[in-house]
Structure formats: C-alpha cells, structure tokens
Amino acid sequence: MKKILVIEDEPSIRENILELLEIENFEGIGAENGQVGLQLAKTQRPDLILCDVLMPGLDGYGVLQALRQETATAAIPFIFLTGKASKTDFCQGTEMGAHDYLTKPFTRADLLNALAERLPRSPSAV
C-alpha cells in the first residue's frame, strides 16, 4: 500500500483528501502545517507528498526546499495543491522540483490522475 503525506492547513480539505486516499487504498497521513509535514516526511518516508502552497509559518515552497536538501527525502515525488493558478506560480513550483501542480478546486479524477502518473500501481494492486 502506497503511503501519501497530505500537508494542508485547511482541515476540511485535508480530511476530504485523506478520506479519498483511504477509499482508493492508499495510506494517508495528514499534517496541518509545513513544520509538521516536514517532520512526518522525515520519519514516515511517504511514497508521495501532496502539499498546499499557502500556509502560515513554513509554506509549501519552504517545505519543498527543505525536503530537497535532505538525502532521505530529496527524491520523494511532490505535488503542490494550491489556489495560486498563475503561470508564474506553476513555473516557480516546477523549477523548485515539484512533480505536479494541482489548482484548487480540483476534482477527484484530477487528483487520482496525478497520483497514477507518479505512483504506478503494481500488477497485484490492480
């Protein structure tokens, strides 16, 4: 079972994503801010990270930058979830090393497609 860390400061969005992940047979781990998410990434070693950009304290860009500086977390696939939808925002995220950039509101299909691109399922999981 693939483990996905969801770093999102809005409780309802975080819980909705975690519920969807559970329904789709992923192990979801929730973090309410960037600092908690960074610690969980280091201790839980998720297979993928979904992270909001705009959060108080350590924002998503700071989380990604810190993850990329650590050998143990540098290669974890990282997808931004954000309401910031400009081309400049997208470019900034991808230039920093994000693998994808989903703008809110996104659909269930959008999220599952992004996960499928980054986490191909093994034949036994189909």
Protein backbone atom coordinates (compact mmCIF):
# COMPACT_ATOMS: atom_id res chain seq x y z
CA MET A 1 0.00 0.00 0.00
CA LYS A 2 1.43 3.36 -1.05
CA LYS A 3 1.84 5.96 1.69
CA ILE A 4 0.88 9.56 0.88
CA LEU A 5 1.54 12.56 3.10
CA VAL A 6 -1.02 15.35 2.82
CA ILE A 7 0.22 18.73 4.09
CA GLU A 8 -2.79 21.06 4.14
CA ASP A 9 -3.70 23.70 6.72
CA GLU A 10 -7.43 23.70 5.90
CA PRO A 11 -8.90 20.84 7.98
CA SER A 12 -11.87 20.11 5.71
CA ILE A 13 -9.71 19.88 2.58
CA ARG A 14 -7.11 17.73 4.37
CA GLU A 15 -9.78 15.35 5.71
CA ASN A 16 -11.51 15.08 2.31
CA ILE A 17 -8.23 14.16 0.62
CA LEU A 18 -7.35 11.64 3.33
CA GLU A 19 -10.79 10.05 3.01
CA LEU A 20 -10.43 9.79 -0.77
CA LEU A 21 -6.99 8.23 -0.38
CA GLU A 22 -8.35 5.63 2.02
CA ILE A 23 -11.19 4.76 -0.38
CA GLU A 24 -8.60 4.33 -3.15
CA ASN A 25 -6.45 2.01 -0.97
CA PHE A 26 -3.67 4.43 -0.15
CA GLU A 27 -2.32 5.01 3.33
CA GLY A 28 -2.88 8.70 4.03
CA ILE A 29 -1.00 10.71 6.63
CA GLY A 30 -2.20 14.23 7.45
CA ALA A 31 -0.21 17.25 8.55
CA GLU A 32 -1.81 20.56 9.48
CA ASN A 33 1.18 22.74 8.59
CA GLY A 34 4.56 22.76 6.88
CA GLN A 35 6.61 22.12 10.01
CA VAL A 36 4.61 19.04 10.98
CA GLY A 37 4.66 17.87 7.37
CA LEU A 38 8.42 18.20 7.14
CA GLN A 39 8.89 16.13 10.31
CA LEU A 40 6.45 13.46 9.11
CA ALA A 41 8.22 13.29 5.74
CA LYS A 42 11.48 12.56 7.54
CA THR A 43 10.07 9.97 9.96
CA GLN A 44 7.37 8.29 7.85
CA ARG A 45 9.14 8.31 4.46
CA PRO A 46 5.99 8.59 2.32
CA ASP A 47 5.88 7.42 -1.29
CA LEU A 48 4.47 10.81 -2.36
CA ILE A 49 3.69 14.20 -0.81
CA LEU A 50 0.68 16.41 -1.57
CA CYS A 51 1.32 19.90 -0.21
CA ASP A 52 -0.57 23.18 -0.09
CA VAL A 53 1.46 26.24 -1.08
CA LEU A 54 -0.11 28.95 1.08
CA MET A 55 0.21 28.03 4.75
CA PRO A 56 1.13 30.08 7.80
CA GLY A 57 4.68 29.61 9.02
CA LEU A 58 6.52 27.26 6.69
CA ASP A 59 4.78 27.44 3.31
CA GLY A 60 4.80 24.77 0.62
CA TYR A 61 7.79 26.26 -1.16
CA GLY A 62 9.76 26.13 2.11
CA VAL A 63 8.69 22.52 2.67
CA LEU A 64 9.84 21.50 -0.82
CA GLN A 65 13.13 23.35 -0.47
CA ALA A 66 13.86 21.68 2.89
CA LEU A 67 12.93 18.22 1.55
CA ARG A 68 15.20 18.59 -1.46
CA GLN A 69 18.16 19.43 0.81
CA GLU A 70 17.86 16.14 2.74
CA THR A 71 19.22 12.98 1.11
CA ALA A 72 16.48 10.81 2.64
CA THR A 73 13.62 12.97 1.30
CA ALA A 74 15.09 14.56 -1.83
CA ALA A 75 13.61 12.05 -4.28
CA ILE A 76 10.07 11.79 -2.86
CA PRO A 77 7.56 12.78 -5.57
CA PHE A 78 5.97 16.11 -4.60
CA ILE A 79 2.70 17.60 -5.85
CA PHE A 80 1.57 21.11 -4.98
CA LEU A 81 -2.11 21.71 -4.19
CA THR A 82 -2.96 25.38 -4.38
CA GLY A 83 -5.37 28.13 -5.25
CA LYS A 84 -2.49 30.00 -6.90
CA ALA A 85 -3.10 29.32 -10.56
CA SER A 86 -0.90 31.75 -12.48
CA LYS A 87 1.74 30.56 -14.93
CA THR A 88 4.39 32.21 -12.74
CA ASP A 89 3.25 30.17 -9.73
CA PHE A 90 3.31 26.96 -11.76
CA CYS A 91 6.80 27.73 -13.07
CA GLN A 92 8.11 28.53 -9.60
CA GLY A 93 6.84 25.22 -8.26
CA THR A 94 8.22 23.11 -11.07
CA GLU A 95 11.56 24.93 -11.10
CA MET A 96 11.91 24.08 -7.40
CA GLY A 97 11.41 20.40 -8.19
CA ALA A 98 7.69 19.77 -7.76
CA HIS A 99 6.46 16.93 -9.96
CA ASP A 100 2.98 18.35 -10.46
CA TYR A 101 0.82 21.34 -9.61
CA LEU A 102 -2.92 20.90 -8.99
CA THR A 103 -5.00 24.04 -8.64
CA LYS A 104 -7.91 24.20 -6.21
CA PRO A 105 -10.63 23.32 -6.63
CA PHE A 106 -9.54 20.08 -8.25
CA THR A 107 -11.66 17.05 -8.98
CA ARG A 108 -11.30 13.55 -7.63
CA ALA A 109 -10.26 12.48 -11.14
CA ASP A 110 -7.59 15.24 -11.31
CA LEU A 111 -6.06 14.06 -8.04
CA LEU A 112 -6.20 10.36 -8.91
CA ASN A 113 -4.67 11.01 -12.34
CA ALA A 114 -1.80 12.95 -10.76
CA LEU A 115 -1.22 10.11 -8.30
CA ALA A 116 -1.37 7.50 -11.05
CA GLU A 117 1.30 9.36 -13.03
CA ARG A 118 3.66 9.45 -10.05
CA LEU A 119 2.78 6.14 -8.40
CA PRO A 120 2.18 3.41 -10.95
CA ARG A 121 0.38 0.55 -9.28
CA SER A 122 1.93 -2.88 -9.21
CA PRO A 123 0.09 -5.61 -11.15
CA SER A 124 -1.04 -7.19 -7.87
CA ALA A 125 -2.71 -3.92 -6.82
CA VAL A 126 -4.93 -3.70 -9.92
